[in-house]
Amino acid sequence: MELNSELQRLNLNDAKNASHFYDNRYEGDYMDEWPLRKKRRVYELLRELDLPEEGIALDFGCGTGVFTSVIKQALPRWQVYGTDLSVIALEKAEAKNPNCNFFSLDAPNLTSLKFDFIFSHHVLEHVSDIDETWMQFSSLSKSGTRMLHICPCGNEGSFEHNLCRLRKDGLRQKPENTFFYEDEGHLRKLDTQKMRCLATKYGFEVCLEYYAWHHYEAIEGITTEGRDYVRYLTDLAQAANGAAQTELRGLRRQLQTITMLRTPSIIVNQRQQKQEKSWKDYAAITILKPLTVISWLTNCILEQLTDSEWHQRRKDPKGAEMYFLFKFSDR
């Protein structure tokens, strides 16, 4: 996908331009919410980390504070801070989390703190200078600081990587190691080796590696986006060759079938939640309601498969998302 006209005018390696770019995005509903399952997974993982009862935590690149809330829920006796380069995002985060503290990235009172725990969720693919960011992590850490990063994974073998290999435009060298469909703000996709190298370089040791979005979770995510998105991902005109086109056609049929089965319950729920319903809303509810049982069962089965996959395969590096826990050693 071509970068949009706004991004083409901006150099995101410039801090002011990047701040302007994300301010514009956060004026809308950009990253305003994440699925409940994802928040529950992060909450459970935070509880598994055996962190102290009290401490100081930082949500680095907190956006609108969705995961700042999760951190506070998982670590209720901790002081929780959030930081972001977007002023608009910070205003939204403060409104959601009155019991947390928020600062801009260059705030003096942020740089004077040392944290016991640092967290980021889908941030490292956006930062302009990855080495400068890791130097900042070091400066914000003290001996024993734990740091958890969740971000897209560039390892080979994931469902999405295999899909992209079938397209002549699927795998991009610029931005670094990214897929054709990625968000225009993504400047890189790190893999396991790169994450380990960065950790070693800046004084962190790897304590834990988990991976997600292997097969069923990828299918769930893709089909949630709808039929048009499935057609876009599996565009037969972009197939790398004849054999790849055959595989893409098979994937399209599979994904469209699942999308079709899931759609009725999604539409009915959306229409029922409207405060003011039109006759079209009532008509859609009436027509689709008989199909929601099959749709609901499809969603339940897919959710169960996704949850099972997370627990059974989270040490398998062939996933499209990675969870890395580090410990800082102040040498």
C-alpha atoms as a PDB file:
ATOM      1  CA  MET A   1       0.000   0.000   0.000  1.00  0.00           C
ATOM      2  CA  GLU A   2       1.315   3.442  -0.885  1.00  0.00           C
ATOM      3  CA  LEU A   3       1.945   5.861   1.958  1.00  0.00           C
ATOM      4  CA  ASN A   4      -0.758   8.485   2.235  1.00  0.00           C
ATOM      5  CA  SER A   5      -0.145  12.037   1.062  1.00  0.00           C
ATOM      6  CA  GLU A   6       0.281  13.408   4.582  1.00  0.00           C
ATOM      7  CA  LEU A   7       3.033  10.952   5.420  1.00  0.00           C
ATOM      8  CA  GLN A   8       4.772  11.587   2.102  1.00  0.00           C
ATOM      9  CA  ARG A   9       5.069  15.265   3.065  1.00  0.00           C
ATOM     10  CA  LEU A  10       6.483  14.426   6.479  1.00  0.00           C
ATOM     11  CA  ASN A  11       9.832  13.069   7.575  1.00  0.00           C
ATOM     12  CA  LEU A  12       8.969  10.999  10.634  1.00  0.00           C
ATOM     13  CA  ASN A  13      12.616  10.993  11.679  1.00  0.00           C
ATOM     14  CA  ASP A  14      12.039  14.631  12.646  1.00  0.00           C
ATOM     15  CA  ALA A  15      10.490  14.823  16.112  1.00  0.00           C
ATOM     16  CA  LYS A  16       8.277  17.845  15.355  1.00  0.00           C
ATOM     17  CA  ASN A  17       6.926  16.277  12.183  1.00  0.00           C
ATOM     18  CA  ALA A  18       6.295  12.978  13.964  1.00  0.00           C
ATOM     19  CA  SER A  19       4.475  14.784  16.786  1.00  0.00           C
ATOM     20  CA  HIS A  20       2.302  16.629  14.263  1.00  0.00           C
ATOM     21  CA  PHE A  21       1.580  13.415  12.362  1.00  0.00           C
ATOM     22  CA  TYR A  22       0.407  11.550  15.474  1.00  0.00           C
ATOM     23  CA  ASP A  23      -1.500  14.526  16.872  1.00  0.00           C
ATOM     24  CA  ASN A  24      -3.558  14.493  13.678  1.00  0.00           C
ATOM     25  CA  ARG A  25      -4.217  10.792  14.037  1.00  0.00           C
ATOM     26  CA  TYR A  26      -5.159  10.961  17.719  1.00  0.00           C
ATOM     27  CA  GLU A  27      -7.706  13.690  16.966  1.00  0.00           C
ATOM     28  CA  GLY A  28      -9.767  10.822  15.583  1.00  0.00           C
ATOM     29  CA  ASP A  29     -10.232   7.397  17.151  1.00  0.00           C
ATOM     30  CA  TYR A  30      -6.694   6.130  16.462  1.00  0.00           C
ATOM     31  CA  MET A  31      -5.793   3.394  18.981  1.00  0.00           C
ATOM     32  CA  ASP A  32      -8.685   4.465  21.225  1.00  0.00           C
ATOM     33  CA  GLU A  33      -9.387   0.887  22.191  1.00  0.00           C
ATOM     34  CA  TRP A  34      -8.005  -2.648  21.918  1.00  0.00           C
ATOM     35  CA  PRO A  35      -9.877  -5.977  22.065  1.00  0.00           C
ATOM     36  CA  LEU A  36     -10.822  -7.195  25.526  1.00  0.00           C
ATOM     37  CA  ARG A  37      -8.928 -10.459  24.989  1.00  0.00           C
ATOM     38  CA  LYS A  38      -5.710  -8.539  24.271  1.00  0.00           C
ATOM     39  CA  LYS A  39      -6.076  -6.446  27.421  1.00  0.00           C
ATOM     40  CA  ARG A  40      -6.832  -9.545  29.476  1.00  0.00           C
ATOM     41  CA  ARG A  41      -3.770 -11.294  28.069  1.00  0.00           C
ATOM     42  CA  VAL A  42      -1.510  -8.371  29.002  1.00  0.00           C
ATOM     43  CA  TYR A  43      -3.091  -8.186  32.470  1.00  0.00           C
ATOM     44  CA  GLU A  44      -2.522 -11.885  33.086  1.00  0.00           C
ATOM     45  CA  LEU A  45       1.037 -11.685  31.818  1.00  0.00           C
ATOM     46  CA  LEU A  46       1.813  -8.753  34.122  1.00  0.00           C
ATOM     47  CA  ARG A  47       0.480 -10.759  37.046  1.00  0.00           C
ATOM     48  CA  GLU A  48       2.693 -13.704  36.058  1.00  0.00           C
ATOM     49  CA  LEU A  49       5.901 -11.658  36.093  1.00  0.00           C
ATOM     50  CA  ASP A  50       6.306 -11.821  39.886  1.00  0.00           C
ATOM     51  CA  LEU A  51       6.900  -8.073  40.151  1.00  0.00           C
ATOM     52  CA  PRO A  52       7.105  -6.472  43.634  1.00  0.00           C
ATOM     53  CA  GLU A  53       3.950  -5.266  45.382  1.00  0.00           C
ATOM     54  CA  GLU A  54       5.066  -1.658  44.953  1.00  0.00           C
ATOM     55  CA  GLY A  55       7.205   0.245  42.471  1.00  0.00           C
ATOM     56  CA  ILE A  56       7.257   2.849  39.711  1.00  0.00           C
ATOM     57  CA  ALA A  57       6.114   1.847  36.213  1.00  0.00           C
ATOM     58  CA  LEU A  58       6.292   3.643  32.868  1.00  0.00           C
ATOM     59  CA  ASP A  59       4.011   3.060  29.881  1.00  0.00           C
ATOM     60  CA  PHE A  60       6.350   4.231  27.112  1.00  0.00           C
ATOM     61  CA  GLY A  61       4.398   5.456  24.077  1.00  0.00           C
ATOM     62  CA  CYS A  62       1.173   5.218  26.054  1.00  0.00           C
ATOM     63  CA  GLY A  63      -1.098   6.698  23.373  1.00  0.00           C
ATOM     64  CA  THR A  64      -4.564   7.253  24.819  1.00  0.00           C
ATOM     65  CA  GLY A  65      -3.751   5.220  27.931  1.00  0.00           C
ATOM     66  CA  VAL A  66      -5.533   1.948  27.121  1.00  0.00           C
ATOM     67  CA  PHE A  67      -2.691  -0.188  28.481  1.00  0.00           C
ATOM     68  CA  THR A  68      -1.794   2.342  31.170  1.00  0.00           C
ATOM     69  CA  SER A  69      -5.149   1.343  32.665  1.00  0.00           C
ATOM     70  CA  VAL A  70      -4.253  -2.342  32.368  1.00  0.00           C
ATOM     71  CA  ILE A  71      -0.918  -1.764  34.112  1.00  0.00           C
ATOM     72  CA  LYS A  72      -2.636   0.079  36.962  1.00  0.00           C
ATOM     73  CA  GLN A  73      -5.201  -2.712  37.337  1.00  0.00           C
ATOM     74  CA  ALA A  74      -2.500  -5.390  37.384  1.00  0.00           C
ATOM     75  CA  LEU A  75      -0.211  -3.381  39.708  1.00  0.00           C
ATOM     76  CA  PRO A  76      -2.672  -1.429  41.888  1.00  0.00           C
ATOM     77  CA  ARG A  77      -0.121  -0.299  44.491  1.00  0.00           C
ATOM     78  CA  TRP A  78       2.374   0.974  41.927  1.00  0.00           C
ATOM     79  CA  GLN A  79       2.891   4.554  40.785  1.00  0.00           C
ATOM     80  CA  VAL A  80       2.132   4.418  37.062  1.00  0.00           C
ATOM     81  CA  TYR A  81       3.380   6.983  34.550  1.00  0.00           C
ATOM     82  CA  GLY A  82       2.734   7.360  30.843  1.00  0.00           C
ATOM     83  CA  THR A  83       4.611   9.219  28.147  1.00  0.00           C
ATOM     84  CA  ASP A  84       3.988   9.944  24.474  1.00  0.00           C
ATOM     85  CA  LEU A  85       5.079  12.424  21.820  1.00  0.00           C
ATOM     86  CA  SER A  86       1.451  13.373  21.032  1.00  0.00           C
ATOM     87  CA  VAL A  87      -0.072  16.038  23.270  1.00  0.00           C
ATOM     88  CA  ILE A  88      -3.565  15.056  22.153  1.00  0.00           C
ATOM     89  CA  ALA A  89      -2.951  11.413  23.068  1.00  0.00           C
ATOM     90  CA  LEU A  90      -1.717  12.451  26.521  1.00  0.00           C
ATOM     91  CA  GLU A  91      -4.833  14.555  27.112  1.00  0.00           C
ATOM     92  CA  LYS A  92      -7.019  11.546  26.319  1.00  0.00           C
ATOM     93  CA  ALA A  93      -4.868   9.298  28.498  1.00  0.00           C
ATOM     94  CA  GLU A  94      -5.173  11.672  31.459  1.00  0.00           C
ATOM     95  CA  ALA A  95      -8.962  11.735  31.095  1.00  0.00           C
ATOM     96  CA  LYS A  96      -9.070   7.909  31.163  1.00  0.00           C
ATOM     97  CA  ASN A  97      -6.567   7.496  33.987  1.00  0.00           C
ATOM     98  CA  PRO A  98      -6.888  10.198  36.665  1.00  0.00           C
ATOM     99  CA  ASN A  99      -4.885   8.020  39.078  1.00  0.00           C
ATOM    100  CA  CYS A 100      -1.806   7.976  36.800  1.00  0.00           C
ATOM    101  CA  ASN A 101       0.742  10.615  35.768  1.00  0.00           C
ATOM    102  CA  PHE A 102       1.507  11.608  32.181  1.00  0.00           C
ATOM    103  CA  PHE A 103       4.417  13.500  30.644  1.00  0.00           C
ATOM    104  CA  SER A 104       5.719  14.371  27.209  1.00  0.00           C
ATOM    105  CA  LEU A 105       8.862  12.541  26.122  1.00  0.00           C
ATOM    106  CA  ASP A 106      11.094  15.557  26.760  1.00  0.00           C
ATOM    107  CA  ALA A 107       9.627  16.543  30.134  1.00  0.00           C
ATOM    108  CA  PRO A 108      12.378  17.219  32.741  1.00  0.00           C
ATOM    109  CA  ASN A 109      10.417  15.502  35.515  1.00  0.00           C
ATOM    110  CA  LEU A 110      10.314  12.331  33.388  1.00  0.00           C
ATOM    111  CA  THR A 111      14.026  12.209  32.619  1.00  0.00           C
ATOM    112  CA  SER A 112      14.857  12.613  36.316  1.00  0.00           C
ATOM    113  CA  LEU A 113      13.014   9.398  37.244  1.00  0.00           C
ATOM    114  CA  LYS A 114      14.283   5.828  37.359  1.00  0.00           C
ATOM    115  CA  PHE A 115      11.658   3.138  36.846  1.00  0.00           C
ATOM    116  CA  ASP A 116      11.249  -0.362  38.244  1.00  0.00           C
ATOM    117  CA  PHE A 117       9.209  -1.472  35.234  1.00  0.00           C
ATOM    118  CA  ILE A 118       8.981  -0.134  31.668  1.00  0.00           C
ATOM    119  CA  PHE A 119       6.263  -1.238  29.252  1.00  0.00           C
ATOM    120  CA  SER A 120       5.493  -0.597  25.607  1.00  0.00           C
ATOM    121  CA  HIS A 121       2.764  -1.923  23.328  1.00  0.00           C
ATOM    122  CA  HIS A 122       3.220  -1.609  19.558  1.00  0.00           C
ATOM    123  CA  VAL A 123       5.615   1.316  19.906  1.00  0.00           C
ATOM    124  CA  LEU A 124       9.052   0.144  18.736  1.00  0.00           C
ATOM    125  CA  GLU A 125       7.909  -0.122  15.123  1.00  0.00           C
ATOM    126  CA  HIS A 126       6.989   3.583  15.208  1.00  0.00           C
ATOM    127  CA  VAL A 127      10.025   5.243  16.819  1.00  0.00           C
ATOM    128  CA  SER A 128      12.256   7.238  14.482  1.00  0.00           C
ATOM    129  CA  ASP A 129      15.625   6.120  15.920  1.00  0.00           C
ATOM    130  CA  ILE A 130      15.587   2.664  17.486  1.00  0.00           C
ATOM    131  CA  ASP A 131      19.070   3.005  19.024  1.00  0.00           C
ATOM    132  CA  GLU A 132      18.272   6.373  20.562  1.00  0.00           C
ATOM    133  CA  THR A 133      15.100   4.871  22.033  1.00  0.00           C
ATOM    134  CA  TRP A 134      17.014   1.994  23.630  1.00  0.00           C
ATOM    135  CA  MET A 135      19.540   4.457  25.056  1.00  0.00           C
ATOM    136  CA  GLN A 136      16.569   6.237  26.606  1.00  0.00           C
ATOM    137  CA  PHE A 137      15.363   2.950  28.114  1.00  0.00           C
ATOM    138  CA  SER A 138      18.812   2.527  29.699  1.00  0.00           C
ATOM    139  CA  SER A 139      18.745   6.052  31.117  1.00  0.00           C
ATOM    140  CA  LEU A 140      15.303   5.454  32.637  1.00  0.00           C
ATOM    141  CA  SER A 141      16.352   2.159  34.232  1.00  0.00           C
ATOM    142  CA  LYS A 142      18.205   1.119  37.350  1.00  0.00           C
ATOM    143  CA  SER A 143      19.823  -2.185  38.219  1.00  0.00           C
ATOM    144  CA  GLY A 144      17.103  -4.821  38.171  1.00  0.00           C
ATOM    145  CA  THR A 145      14.552  -2.825  36.163  1.00  0.00           C
ATOM    146  CA  ARG A 146      12.213  -5.093  34.188  1.00  0.00           C
ATOM    147  CA  MET A 147      11.045  -4.070  30.737  1.00  0.00           C
ATOM    148  CA  LEU A 148       8.270  -5.654  28.643  1.00  0.00           C
ATOM    149  CA  HIS A 149       7.871  -4.842  24.947  1.00  0.00           C
ATOM    150  CA  ILE A 150       5.014  -6.105  22.775  1.00  0.00           C
ATOM    151  CA  CYS A 151       5.379  -5.435  19.058  1.00  0.00           C
ATOM    152  CA  PRO A 152       4.977  -6.904  15.569  1.00  0.00           C
ATOM    153  CA  CYS A 153       7.392  -9.745  14.850  1.00  0.00           C
ATOM    154  CA  GLY A 154       9.406  -9.995  11.642  1.00  0.00           C
ATOM    155  CA  ASN A 155      10.319 -13.678  11.964  1.00  0.00           C
ATOM    156  CA  GLU A 156       9.690 -15.914   9.000  1.00  0.00           C
ATOM    157  CA  GLY A 157       6.987 -18.572   9.154  1.00  0.00           C
ATOM    158  CA  SER A 158       3.997 -16.681  10.563  1.00  0.00           C
ATOM    159  CA  PHE A 159       0.605 -16.895   8.855  1.00  0.00           C
ATOM    160  CA  GLU A 160       0.948 -13.295   7.644  1.00  0.00           C
ATOM    161  CA  HIS A 161       4.563 -13.694   6.515  1.00  0.00           C
ATOM    162  CA  ASN A 162       3.593 -16.754   4.484  1.00  0.00           C
ATOM    163  CA  LEU A 163       0.668 -14.860   2.959  1.00  0.00           C
ATOM    164  CA  CYS A 164       2.929 -11.950   1.996  1.00  0.00           C
ATOM    165  CA  ARG A 165       5.440 -14.315   0.374  1.00  0.00           C
ATOM    166  CA  LEU A 166       2.728 -15.240  -2.127  1.00  0.00           C
ATOM    167  CA  ARG A 167       2.589 -11.645  -3.394  1.00  0.00           C
ATOM    168  CA  LYS A 168       5.155  -9.894  -5.551  1.00  0.00           C
ATOM    169  CA  ASP A 169       4.683  -6.750  -3.427  1.00  0.00           C
ATOM    170  CA  GLY A 170       4.248  -8.579  -0.117  1.00  0.00           C
ATOM    171  CA  LEU A 171       7.640  -8.237   1.612  1.00  0.00           C
ATOM    172  CA  ARG A 172       9.237  -4.780   1.700  1.00  0.00           C
ATOM    173  CA  GLN A 173      12.818  -3.807   2.439  1.00  0.00           C
ATOM    174  CA  LYS A 174      11.760  -0.190   3.008  1.00  0.00           C
ATOM    175  CA  PRO A 175      10.401   0.521   5.525  1.00  0.00           C
ATOM    176  CA  GLU A 176      12.704  -2.025   7.129  1.00  0.00           C
ATOM    177  CA  ASN A 177      11.434  -5.623   6.955  1.00  0.00           C
ATOM    178  CA  THR A 178       7.736  -4.677   6.711  1.00  0.00           C
ATOM    179  CA  PHE A 179       4.661  -6.165   5.011  1.00  0.00           C
ATOM    180  CA  PHE A 180       2.792  -4.432   2.200  1.00  0.00           C
ATOM    181  CA  TYR A 181      -0.389  -3.786   4.214  1.00  0.00           C
ATOM    182  CA  GLU A 182       1.206  -2.207   7.281  1.00  0.00           C
ATOM    183  CA  ASP A 183       0.208   1.029   8.944  1.00  0.00           C
ATOM    184  CA  GLU A 184       1.889   4.013   7.321  1.00  0.00           C
ATOM    185  CA  GLY A 185       3.517   4.954  10.617  1.00  0.00           C
ATOM    186  CA  HIS A 186       5.487   1.698  10.821  1.00  0.00           C
ATOM    187  CA  LEU A 187       9.193   2.330  10.213  1.00  0.00           C
ATOM    188  CA  ARG A 188      10.445  -1.214  10.830  1.00  0.00           C
ATOM    189  CA  LYS A 189       9.515  -4.733  11.869  1.00  0.00           C
ATOM    190  CA  LEU A 190      11.939  -6.206  14.379  1.00  0.00           C
ATOM    191  CA  ASP A 191      12.705  -9.906  14.535  1.00  0.00           C
ATOM    192  CA  THR A 192      13.961 -12.056  17.410  1.00  0.00           C
ATOM    193  CA  GLN A 193      17.632 -11.642  16.539  1.00  0.00           C
ATOM    194  CA  LYS A 194      17.365  -7.854  16.322  1.00  0.00           C
ATOM    195  CA  MET A 195      15.587  -7.639  19.678  1.00  0.00           C
ATOM    196  CA  ARG A 196      18.232  -9.766  21.368  1.00  0.00           C
ATOM    197  CA  CYS A 197      21.044  -7.698  19.833  1.00  0.00           C
ATOM    198  CA  LEU A 198      19.499  -4.416  20.965  1.00  0.00           C
ATOM    199  CA  ALA A 199      19.039  -5.772  24.481  1.00  0.00           C
ATOM    200  CA  THR A 200      22.668  -6.891  24.768  1.00  0.00           C
ATOM    201  CA  LYS A 201      23.950  -3.640  23.290  1.00  0.00           C
ATOM    202  CA  TYR A 202      22.177  -1.473  25.859  1.00  0.00           C
ATOM    203  CA  GLY A 203      22.641  -3.486  29.049  1.00  0.00           C
ATOM    204  CA  PHE A 204      19.517  -5.673  29.123  1.00  0.00           C
ATOM    205  CA  GLU A 205      19.266  -9.437  29.334  1.00  0.00           C
ATOM    206  CA  VAL A 206      16.360 -11.431  27.923  1.00  0.00           C
ATOM    207  CA  CYS A 207      14.207 -13.052  30.621  1.00  0.00           C
ATOM    208  CA  LEU A 208      11.240 -14.208  28.574  1.00  0.00           C
ATOM    209  CA  GLU A 209      10.166 -14.540  24.930  1.00  0.00           C
ATOM    210  CA  TYR A 210       6.574 -15.189  23.906  1.00  0.00           C
ATOM    211  CA  TYR A 211       4.943 -15.070  20.490  1.00  0.00           C
ATOM    212  CA  ALA A 212       1.341 -14.687  19.305  1.00  0.00           C
ATOM    213  CA  TRP A 213      -0.693 -14.390  16.102  1.00  0.00           C
ATOM    214  CA  HIS A 214       0.359 -17.778  14.764  1.00  0.00           C
ATOM    215  CA  HIS A 215      -2.615 -19.161  12.836  1.00  0.00           C
ATOM    216  CA  TYR A 216      -6.046 -18.905  14.442  1.00  0.00           C
ATOM    217  CA  GLU A 217      -5.408 -15.496  15.990  1.00  0.00           C
ATOM    218  CA  ALA A 218      -4.252 -14.191  12.613  1.00  0.00           C
ATOM    219  CA  ILE A 219      -7.389 -15.581  10.961  1.00  0.00           C
ATOM    220  CA  GLU A 220      -9.560 -13.997  13.653  1.00  0.00           C
ATOM    221  CA  GLY A 221      -7.867 -10.623  13.236  1.00  0.00           C
ATOM    222  CA  ILE A 222      -8.075 -10.640   9.449  1.00  0.00           C
ATOM    223  CA  THR A 223     -11.704 -11.767   9.228  1.00  0.00           C
ATOM    224  CA  THR A 224     -12.766  -9.189  11.820  1.00  0.00           C
ATOM    225  CA  GLU A 225     -11.769  -6.509   9.298  1.00  0.00           C
ATOM    226  CA  GLY A 226     -14.365  -7.725   6.794  1.00  0.00           C
ATOM    227  CA  ARG A 227     -14.749  -9.055   3.273  1.00  0.00           C
ATOM    228  CA  ASP A 228     -13.124  -6.111   1.458  1.00  0.00           C
ATOM    229  CA  TYR A 229      -9.999  -6.418   3.580  1.00  0.00           C
ATOM    230  CA  VAL A 230      -9.760 -10.126   2.808  1.00  0.00           C
ATOM    231  CA  ARG A 231     -10.001  -9.341  -0.923  1.00  0.00           C
ATOM    232  CA  TYR A 232      -7.284  -6.710  -0.542  1.00  0.00           C
ATOM    233  CA  LEU A 233      -4.900  -9.079   1.241  1.00  0.00           C
ATOM    234  CA  THR A 234      -5.465 -11.890  -1.247  1.00  0.00           C
ATOM    235  CA  ASP A 235      -5.455  -9.795  -4.434  1.00  0.00           C
ATOM    236  CA  LEU A 236      -4.868 -12.408  -7.132  1.00  0.00           C
ATOM    237  CA  ALA A 237      -3.426  -9.793  -9.505  1.00  0.00           C
ATOM    238  CA  GLN A 238      -0.484  -9.379  -7.105  1.00  0.00           C
ATOM    239  CA  ALA A 239       0.376 -13.094  -6.958  1.00  0.00           C
ATOM    240  CA  ALA A 240       4.100 -13.802  -7.321  1.00  0.00           C
ATOM    241  CA  ASN A 241       3.471 -16.617  -9.826  1.00  0.00           C
ATOM    242  CA  GLY A 242       0.895 -19.183 -10.905  1.00  0.00           C
ATOM    243  CA  ALA A 243       1.401 -21.463  -7.921  1.00  0.00           C
ATOM    244  CA  ALA A 244       1.155 -18.497  -5.553  1.00  0.00           C
ATOM    245  CA  GLN A 245      -2.069 -17.394  -7.225  1.00  0.00           C
ATOM    246  CA  THR A 246      -3.576 -20.824  -6.600  1.00  0.00           C
ATOM    247  CA  GLU A 247      -2.618 -20.601  -2.910  1.00  0.00           C
ATOM    248  CA  LEU A 248      -3.968 -17.067  -2.622  1.00  0.00           C
ATOM    249  CA  ARG A 249      -7.245 -18.169  -4.178  1.00  0.00           C
ATOM    250  CA  GLY A 250      -7.541 -20.957  -1.612  1.00  0.00           C
ATOM    251  CA  LEU A 251      -6.774 -18.570   1.236  1.00  0.00           C
ATOM    252  CA  ARG A 252      -9.339 -16.103  -0.078  1.00  0.00           C
ATOM    253  CA  ARG A 253     -12.053 -18.748  -0.076  1.00  0.00           C
ATOM    254  CA  GLN A 254     -11.168 -19.867   3.436  1.00  0.00           C
ATOM    255  CA  LEU A 255     -11.027 -16.362   4.876  1.00  0.00           C
ATOM    256  CA  GLN A 256     -14.154 -15.159   3.082  1.00  0.00           C
ATOM    257  CA  THR A 257     -16.123 -18.161   4.329  1.00  0.00           C
ATOM    258  CA  ILE A 258     -15.112 -17.448   7.932  1.00  0.00           C
ATOM    259  CA  THR A 259     -15.843 -13.736   7.442  1.00  0.00           C
ATOM    260  CA  MET A 260     -19.304 -14.543   6.086  1.00  0.00           C
ATOM    261  CA  LEU A 261     -20.063 -16.820   9.033  1.00  0.00           C
ATOM    262  CA  ARG A 262     -18.898 -14.233  11.583  1.00  0.00           C
ATOM    263  CA  THR A 263     -20.576 -11.173  10.037  1.00  0.00           C
ATOM    264  CA  PRO A 264     -24.267 -11.565  11.099  1.00  0.00           C
ATOM    265  CA  SER A 265     -23.627 -11.435  14.850  1.00  0.00           C
ATOM    266  CA  ILE A 266     -21.241  -8.504  14.405  1.00  0.00           C
ATOM    267  CA  ILE A 267     -23.813  -6.498  12.415  1.00  0.00           C
ATOM    268  CA  VAL A 268     -26.707  -7.348  14.762  1.00  0.00           C
ATOM    269  CA  ASN A 269     -24.665  -6.318  17.812  1.00  0.00           C
ATOM    270  CA  GLN A 270     -23.695  -3.021  16.169  1.00  0.00           C
ATOM    271  CA  ARG A 271     -27.287  -2.214  15.176  1.00  0.00           C
ATOM    272  CA  GLN A 272     -28.723  -3.194  18.558  1.00  0.00           C
ATOM    273  CA  GLN A 273     -26.269  -0.946  20.386  1.00  0.00           C
ATOM    274  CA  LYS A 274     -27.391   2.150  18.462  1.00  0.00           C
ATOM    275  CA  GLN A 275     -29.245   4.687  20.593  1.00  0.00           C
ATOM    276  CA  GLU A 276     -31.494   5.767  17.709  1.00  0.00           C
ATOM    277  CA  LYS A 277     -32.384   3.050  15.209  1.00  0.00           C
ATOM    278  CA  SER A 278     -33.688   3.604  11.699  1.00  0.00           C
ATOM    279  CA  TRP A 279     -35.997   1.241   9.812  1.00  0.00           C
ATOM    280  CA  LYS A 280     -32.889  -0.110   8.070  1.00  0.00           C
ATOM    281  CA  ASP A 281     -31.430  -1.070  11.443  1.00  0.00           C
ATOM    282  CA  TYR A 282     -34.607  -2.908  12.449  1.00  0.00           C
ATOM    283  CA  ALA A 283     -34.764  -4.614   9.048  1.00  0.00           C
ATOM    284  CA  ALA A 284     -31.149  -5.778   9.317  1.00  0.00           C
ATOM    285  CA  ILE A 285     -31.732  -7.110  12.841  1.00  0.00           C
ATOM    286  CA  THR A 286     -34.877  -8.965  11.765  1.00  0.00           C
ATOM    287  CA  ILE A 287     -33.282 -10.503   8.675  1.00  0.00           C
ATOM    288  CA  LEU A 288     -29.954 -11.466  10.265  1.00  0.00           C
ATOM    289  CA  LYS A 289     -31.170 -12.546  13.718  1.00  0.00           C
ATOM    290  CA  PRO A 290     -31.888 -16.159  12.640  1.00  0.00           C
ATOM    291  CA  LEU A 291     -28.294 -16.456  11.396  1.00  0.00           C
ATOM    292  CA  THR A 292     -26.669 -15.203  14.587  1.00  0.00           C
ATOM    293  CA  VAL A 293     -26.669 -18.623  16.272  1.00  0.00           C
ATOM    294  CA  ILE A 294     -24.313 -20.048  13.629  1.00  0.00           C
ATOM    295  CA  SER A 295     -22.353 -16.806  13.645  1.00  0.00           C
ATOM    296  CA  TRP A 296     -22.051 -16.825  17.447  1.00  0.00           C
ATOM    297  CA  LEU A 297     -20.881 -20.446  17.422  1.00  0.00           C
ATOM    298  CA  THR A 298     -18.261 -19.611  14.784  1.00  0.00           C
ATOM    299  CA  ASN A 299     -16.949 -16.742  16.899  1.00  0.00           C
ATOM    300  CA  CYS A 300     -16.876 -18.895  20.047  1.00  0.00           C
ATOM    301  CA  ILE A 301     -14.969 -21.691  18.331  1.00  0.00           C
ATOM    302  CA  LEU A 302     -12.454 -19.250  16.853  1.00  0.00           C
ATOM    303  CA  GLU A 303     -11.974 -17.542  20.224  1.00  0.00           C
ATOM    304  CA  GLN A 304     -11.364 -20.879  21.950  1.00  0.00           C
ATOM    305  CA  LEU A 305      -8.867 -21.932  19.282  1.00  0.00           C
ATOM    306  CA  THR A 306      -7.094 -18.585  19.620  1.00  0.00           C
ATOM    307  CA  ASP A 307      -6.846 -18.826  23.404  1.00  0.00           C
ATOM    308  CA  SER A 308      -5.616 -22.418  23.207  1.00  0.00           C
ATOM    309  CA  GLU A 309      -3.052 -21.466  20.578  1.00  0.00           C
ATOM    310  CA  TRP A 310      -1.662 -18.668  22.770  1.00  0.00           C
ATOM    311  CA  HIS A 311      -1.020 -21.060  25.649  1.00  0.00           C
ATOM    312  CA  GLN A 312       0.277 -23.935  23.532  1.00  0.00           C
ATOM    313  CA  ARG A 313       2.406 -22.049  20.996  1.00  0.00           C
ATOM    314  CA  ARG A 314       3.552 -18.883  22.735  1.00  0.00           C
ATOM    315  CA  LYS A 315       7.165 -20.119  22.751  1.00  0.00           C
ATOM    316  CA  ASP A 316       7.039 -20.784  19.001  1.00  0.00           C
ATOM    317  CA  PRO A 317       8.863 -17.879  17.262  1.00  0.00           C
ATOM    318  CA  LYS A 318       6.786 -18.281  14.077  1.00  0.00           C
ATOM    319  CA  GLY A 319       4.241 -15.704  15.214  1.00  0.00           C
ATOM    320  CA  ALA A 320       3.439 -12.236  13.901  1.00  0.00           C
ATOM    321  CA  GLU A 321       3.588 -10.602  17.361  1.00  0.00           C
ATOM    322  CA  MET A 322       6.254 -10.911  20.057  1.00  0.00           C
ATOM    323  CA  TYR A 323       6.417 -10.329  23.812  1.00  0.00           C
ATOM    324  CA  PHE A 324       9.925  -9.742  25.205  1.00  0.00           C
ATOM    325  CA  LEU A 325      10.725  -9.300  28.889  1.00  0.00           C
ATOM    326  CA  PHE A 326      14.149  -7.850  29.760  1.00  0.00           C
ATOM    327  CA  LYS A 327      16.122  -7.119  32.928  1.00  0.00           C
ATOM    328  CA  PHE A 328      18.526  -4.203  33.152  1.00  0.00           C
ATOM    329  CA  SER A 329      22.017  -4.705  34.531  1.00  0.00           C
ATOM    330  CA  ASP A 330      23.686  -1.424  35.516  1.00  0.00           C
ATOM    331  CA  ARG A 331      27.246  -2.262  34.599  1.00  0.00           C
END
